[in-house]
Amino acid sequence: MKTVTADSRWHAFALKALDGECLTMEEGLAVLEADDDEILTIMQAAFQVRKHYYGKK
């Protein structure tokens, strides 16, 4: 059985957005309810999406 880490979950959310899919309500809530220790990892995943669409402006 594969263990899903928080890092891989946020990366999966970014890939989903890059594929043009919306996050589910549960996924959105997971981001909002994440521990403070995960903020940098969430920001990194969000930056992947931003960079894809807008570059490094």
PDB file of N, CA and C in Angstrom:
ATOM      1  N   MET A   1       0.837  -1.182   0.000  1.00  0.00           N
ATOM      2  CA  MET A   1       0.000   0.000   0.000  1.00  0.00           C
ATOM      3  C   MET A   1       0.882   1.246   0.000  1.00  0.00           C
ATOM      4  N   LYS A   2       0.588   2.199  -0.868  1.00  0.00           N
ATOM      5  CA  LYS A   2       1.380   3.421  -0.980  1.00  0.00           C
ATOM      6  C   LYS A   2       0.930   4.438   0.058  1.00  0.00           C
ATOM      7  N   THR A   3       1.901   5.011   0.750  1.00  0.00           N
ATOM      8  CA  THR A   3       1.612   6.054   1.728  1.00  0.00           C
ATOM      9  C   THR A   3       1.636   7.405   1.022  1.00  0.00           C
ATOM     10  N   VAL A   4       0.599   8.188   1.245  1.00  0.00           N
ATOM     11  CA  VAL A   4       0.522   9.523   0.652  1.00  0.00           C
ATOM     12  C   VAL A   4       0.991  10.522   1.700  1.00  0.00           C
ATOM     13  N   THR A   5       2.075  11.216   1.381  1.00  0.00           N
ATOM     14  CA  THR A   5       2.574  12.242   2.291  1.00  0.00           C
ATOM     15  C   THR A   5       1.893  13.565   1.967  1.00  0.00           C
ATOM     16  N   ALA A   6       1.984  14.496   2.888  1.00  0.00           N
ATOM     17  CA  ALA A   6       1.401  15.823   2.643  1.00  0.00           C
ATOM     18  C   ALA A   6       2.051  16.457   1.423  1.00  0.00           C
ATOM     19  N   ASP A   7       3.389  16.304   1.294  1.00  0.00           N
ATOM     20  CA  ASP A   7       4.089  16.882   0.143  1.00  0.00           C
ATOM     21  C   ASP A   7       3.531  16.342  -1.161  1.00  0.00           C
ATOM     22  N   SER A   8       3.324  15.039  -1.239  1.00  0.00           N
ATOM     23  CA  SER A   8       2.824  14.461  -2.489  1.00  0.00           C
ATOM     24  C   SER A   8       1.363  14.849  -2.719  1.00  0.00           C
ATOM     25  N   ARG A   9       0.618  15.064  -1.657  1.00  0.00           N
ATOM     26  CA  ARG A   9      -0.778  15.486  -1.811  1.00  0.00           C
ATOM     27  C   ARG A   9      -0.838  16.880  -2.429  1.00  0.00           C
ATOM     28  N   TRP A  10      -0.018  17.805  -1.933  1.00  0.00           N
ATOM     29  CA  TRP A  10      -0.029  19.159  -2.478  1.00  0.00           C
ATOM     30  C   TRP A  10       0.466  19.160  -3.919  1.00  0.00           C
ATOM     31  N   HIS A  11       1.470  18.339  -4.206  1.00  0.00           N
ATOM     32  CA  HIS A  11       1.968  18.217  -5.578  1.00  0.00           C
ATOM     33  C   HIS A  11       0.868  17.663  -6.483  1.00  0.00           C
ATOM     34  N   ALA A  12       0.116  16.694  -6.000  1.00  0.00           N
ATOM     35  CA  ALA A  12      -0.992  16.123  -6.776  1.00  0.00           C
ATOM     36  C   ALA A  12      -2.058  17.174  -7.052  1.00  0.00           C
ATOM     37  N   PHE A  13      -2.323  18.037  -6.084  1.00  0.00           N
ATOM     38  CA  PHE A  13      -3.291  19.117  -6.287  1.00  0.00           C
ATOM     39  C   PHE A  13      -2.794  20.060  -7.382  1.00  0.00           C
ATOM     40  N   ALA A  14      -1.499  20.369  -7.372  1.00  0.00           N
ATOM     41  CA  ALA A  14      -0.931  21.253  -8.399  1.00  0.00           C
ATOM     42  C   ALA A  14      -1.049  20.607  -9.777  1.00  0.00           C
ATOM     43  N   LEU A  15      -0.731  19.338  -9.872  1.00  0.00           N
ATOM     44  CA  LEU A  15      -0.844  18.637 -11.155  1.00  0.00           C
ATOM     45  C   LEU A  15      -2.283  18.617 -11.649  1.00  0.00           C
ATOM     46  N   LYS A  16      -3.201  18.447 -10.731  1.00  0.00           N
ATOM     47  CA  LYS A  16      -4.615  18.457 -11.088  1.00  0.00           C
ATOM     48  C   LYS A  16      -5.003  19.811 -11.682  1.00  0.00           C
ATOM     49  N   ALA A  17      -4.546  20.888 -11.055  1.00  0.00           N
ATOM     50  CA  ALA A  17      -4.838  22.232 -11.561  1.00  0.00           C
ATOM     51  C   ALA A  17      -4.181  22.451 -12.925  1.00  0.00           C
ATOM     52  N   LEU A  18      -2.975  21.948 -13.095  1.00  0.00           N
ATOM     53  CA  LEU A  18      -2.289  22.088 -14.374  1.00  0.00           C
ATOM     54  C   LEU A  18      -2.975  21.298 -15.487  1.00  0.00           C
ATOM     55  N   ASP A  19      -3.710  20.267 -15.103  1.00  0.00           N
ATOM     56  CA  ASP A  19      -4.492  19.498 -16.077  1.00  0.00           C
ATOM     57  C   ASP A  19      -5.842  20.145 -16.370  1.00  0.00           C
ATOM     58  N   GLY A  20      -6.085  21.315 -15.759  1.00  0.00           N
ATOM     59  CA  GLY A  20      -7.324  22.047 -16.004  1.00  0.00           C
ATOM     60  C   GLY A  20      -8.487  21.605 -15.149  1.00  0.00           C
ATOM     61  N   GLU A  21      -8.207  20.810 -14.132  1.00  0.00           N
ATOM     62  CA  GLU A  21      -9.267  20.336 -13.238  1.00  0.00           C
ATOM     63  C   GLU A  21      -9.366  21.248 -12.017  1.00  0.00           C
ATOM     64  N   CYS A  22     -10.555  21.318 -11.465  1.00  0.00           N
ATOM     65  CA  CYS A  22     -10.777  22.059 -10.224  1.00  0.00           C
ATOM     66  C   CYS A  22     -10.592  21.123  -9.040  1.00  0.00           C
ATOM     67  N   LEU A  23     -10.140  21.684  -7.927  1.00  0.00           N
ATOM     68  CA  LEU A  23     -10.081  20.898  -6.703  1.00  0.00           C
ATOM     69  C   LEU A  23     -11.496  20.653  -6.201  1.00  0.00           C
ATOM     70  N   THR A  24     -11.681  19.537  -5.545  1.00  0.00           N
ATOM     71  CA  THR A  24     -12.974  19.258  -4.933  1.00  0.00           C
ATOM     72  C   THR A  24     -13.112  20.095  -3.667  1.00  0.00           C
ATOM     73  N   MET A  25     -14.293  20.139  -3.125  1.00  0.00           N
ATOM     74  CA  MET A  25     -14.530  20.849  -1.869  1.00  0.00           C
ATOM     75  C   MET A  25     -13.634  20.275  -0.765  1.00  0.00           C
ATOM     76  N   GLU A  26     -13.513  18.965  -0.720  1.00  0.00           N
ATOM     77  CA  GLU A  26     -12.690  18.317   0.307  1.00  0.00           C
ATOM     78  C   GLU A  26     -11.217  18.683   0.148  1.00  0.00           C
ATOM     79  N   GLU A  27     -10.748  18.749  -1.096  1.00  0.00           N
ATOM     80  CA  GLU A  27      -9.353  19.106  -1.338  1.00  0.00           C
ATOM     81  C   GLU A  27      -9.092  20.556  -0.952  1.00  0.00           C
ATOM     82  N   GLY A  28     -10.013  21.435  -1.284  1.00  0.00           N
ATOM     83  CA  GLY A  28      -9.882  22.838  -0.898  1.00  0.00           C
ATOM     84  C   GLY A  28      -9.855  23.004   0.608  1.00  0.00           C
ATOM     85  N   LEU A  29     -10.714  22.278   1.283  1.00  0.00           N
ATOM     86  CA  LEU A  29     -10.732  22.336   2.749  1.00  0.00           C
ATOM     87  C   LEU A  29      -9.443  21.790   3.340  1.00  0.00           C
ATOM     88  N   ALA A  30      -8.872  20.765   2.699  1.00  0.00           N
ATOM     89  CA  ALA A  30      -7.602  20.206   3.183  1.00  0.00           C
ATOM     90  C   ALA A  30      -6.508  21.264   3.139  1.00  0.00           C
ATOM     91  N   VAL A  31      -6.497  22.080   2.090  1.00  0.00           N
ATOM     92  CA  VAL A  31      -5.512  23.163   1.998  1.00  0.00           C
ATOM     93  C   VAL A  31      -5.755  24.168   3.121  1.00  0.00           C
ATOM     94  N   LEU A  32      -6.995  24.565   3.314  1.00  0.00           N
ATOM     95  CA  LEU A  32      -7.318  25.558   4.341  1.00  0.00           C
ATOM     96  C   LEU A  32      -7.061  25.055   5.756  1.00  0.00           C
ATOM     97  N   GLU A  33      -7.210  23.760   5.970  1.00  0.00           N
ATOM     98  CA  GLU A  33      -7.055  23.185   7.302  1.00  0.00           C
ATOM     99  C   GLU A  33      -5.661  22.610   7.542  1.00  0.00           C
ATOM    100  N   ALA A  34      -4.752  22.793   6.606  1.00  0.00           N
ATOM    101  CA  ALA A  34      -3.399  22.241   6.740  1.00  0.00           C
ATOM    102  C   ALA A  34      -2.666  22.869   7.920  1.00  0.00           C
ATOM    103  N   ASP A  35      -1.756  22.095   8.475  1.00  0.00           N
ATOM    104  CA  ASP A  35      -0.928  22.595   9.572  1.00  0.00           C
ATOM    105  C   ASP A  35      -0.033  23.726   9.085  1.00  0.00           C
ATOM    106  N   ASP A  36       0.325  24.607   9.992  1.00  0.00           N
ATOM    107  CA  ASP A  36       1.212  25.713   9.646  1.00  0.00           C
ATOM    108  C   ASP A  36       2.549  25.223   9.096  1.00  0.00           C
ATOM    109  N   ASP A  37       2.985  24.051   9.542  1.00  0.00           N
ATOM    110  CA  ASP A  37       4.253  23.490   9.073  1.00  0.00           C
ATOM    111  C   ASP A  37       4.227  23.144   7.582  1.00  0.00           C
ATOM    112  N   GLU A  38       3.056  23.075   6.994  1.00  0.00           N
ATOM    113  CA  GLU A  38       2.932  22.688   5.591  1.00  0.00           C
ATOM    114  C   GLU A  38       2.799  23.887   4.646  1.00  0.00           C
ATOM    115  N   ILE A  39       2.787  25.085   5.176  1.00  0.00           N
ATOM    116  CA  ILE A  39       2.546  26.273   4.348  1.00  0.00           C
ATOM    117  C   ILE A  39       3.580  26.416   3.230  1.00  0.00           C
ATOM    118  N   LEU A  40       4.857  26.225   3.527  1.00  0.00           N
ATOM    119  CA  LEU A  40       5.875  26.368   2.490  1.00  0.00           C
ATOM    120  C   LEU A  40       5.690  25.350   1.368  1.00  0.00           C
ATOM    121  N   THR A  41       5.312  24.134   1.714  1.00  0.00           N
ATOM    122  CA  THR A  41       5.085  23.103   0.701  1.00  0.00           C
ATOM    123  C   THR A  41       3.863  23.436  -0.144  1.00  0.00           C
ATOM    124  N   ILE A  42       2.827  23.962   0.484  1.00  0.00           N
ATOM    125  CA  ILE A  42       1.631  24.380  -0.253  1.00  0.00           C
ATOM    126  C   ILE A  42       1.976  25.542  -1.183  1.00  0.00           C
ATOM    127  N   MET A  43       2.766  26.486  -0.686  1.00  0.00           N
ATOM    128  CA  MET A  43       3.179  27.626  -1.514  1.00  0.00           C
ATOM    129  C   MET A  43       4.002  27.158  -2.715  1.00  0.00           C
ATOM    130  N   GLN A  44       4.851  26.170  -2.508  1.00  0.00           N
ATOM    131  CA  GLN A  44       5.656  25.637  -3.604  1.00  0.00           C
ATOM    132  C   GLN A  44       4.754  25.023  -4.674  1.00  0.00           C
ATOM    133  N   ALA A  45       3.752  24.270  -4.254  1.00  0.00           N
ATOM    134  CA  ALA A  45       2.811  23.661  -5.199  1.00  0.00           C
ATOM    135  C   ALA A  45       2.026  24.743  -5.937  1.00  0.00           C
ATOM    136  N   ALA A  46       1.597  25.765  -5.219  1.00  0.00           N
ATOM    137  CA  ALA A  46       0.852  26.862  -5.847  1.00  0.00           C
ATOM    138  C   ALA A  46       1.733  27.618  -6.841  1.00  0.00           C
ATOM    139  N   PHE A  47       3.019  27.760  -6.517  1.00  0.00           N
ATOM    140  CA  PHE A  47       3.926  28.461  -7.416  1.00  0.00           C
ATOM    141  C   PHE A  47       4.110  27.690  -8.728  1.00  0.00           C
ATOM    142  N   GLN A  48       4.073  26.362  -8.672  1.00  0.00           N
ATOM    143  CA  GLN A  48       4.165  25.569  -9.898  1.00  0.00           C
ATOM    144  C   GLN A  48       3.045  25.951 -10.858  1.00  0.00           C
ATOM    145  N   VAL A  49       1.854  26.105 -10.339  1.00  0.00           N
ATOM    146  CA  VAL A  49       0.697  26.461 -11.169  1.00  0.00           C
ATOM    147  C   VAL A  49       0.846  27.891 -11.676  1.00  0.00           C
ATOM    148  N   ARG A  50       1.208  28.812 -10.791  1.00  0.00           N
ATOM    149  CA  ARG A  50       1.383  30.206 -11.184  1.00  0.00           C
ATOM    150  C   ARG A  50       2.452  30.342 -12.258  1.00  0.00           C
ATOM    151  N   LYS A  51       3.593  29.676 -12.059  1.00  0.00           N
ATOM    152  CA  LYS A  51       4.688  29.748 -13.024  1.00  0.00           C
ATOM    153  C   LYS A  51       4.275  29.211 -14.384  1.00  0.00           C
ATOM    154  N   HIS A  52       3.488  28.162 -14.389  1.00  0.00           N
ATOM    155  CA  HIS A  52       3.020  27.576 -15.644  1.00  0.00           C
ATOM    156  C   HIS A  52       2.206  28.583 -16.444  1.00  0.00           C
ATOM    157  N   TYR A  53       1.313  29.281 -15.789  1.00  0.00           N
ATOM    158  CA  TYR A  53       0.409  30.194 -16.478  1.00  0.00           C
ATOM    159  C   TYR A  53       0.968  31.607 -16.673  1.00  0.00           C
ATOM    160  N   TYR A  54       1.815  32.075 -15.749  1.00  0.00           N
ATOM    161  CA  TYR A  54       2.252  33.465 -15.781  1.00  0.00           C
ATOM    162  C   TYR A  54       3.769  33.644 -15.853  1.00  0.00           C
ATOM    163  N   GLY A  55       4.530  32.581 -15.750  1.00  0.00           N
ATOM    164  CA  GLY A  55       5.974  32.693 -15.752  1.00  0.00           C
ATOM    165  C   GLY A  55       6.485  33.263 -14.432  1.00  0.00           C
ATOM    166  N   LYS A  56       7.740  33.677 -14.438  1.00  0.00           N
ATOM    167  CA  LYS A  56       8.365  34.221 -13.210  1.00  0.00           C
ATOM    168  C   LYS A  56       8.369  35.733 -13.259  1.00  0.00           C
ATOM    169  N   LYS A  57       7.206  36.342 -13.333  1.00  0.00           N
ATOM    170  CA  LYS A  57       7.094  37.800 -13.387  1.00  0.00           C
ATOM    171  C   LYS A  57       7.139  38.389 -12.011  1.00  0.00           C
TER     172      LYS A  57
END
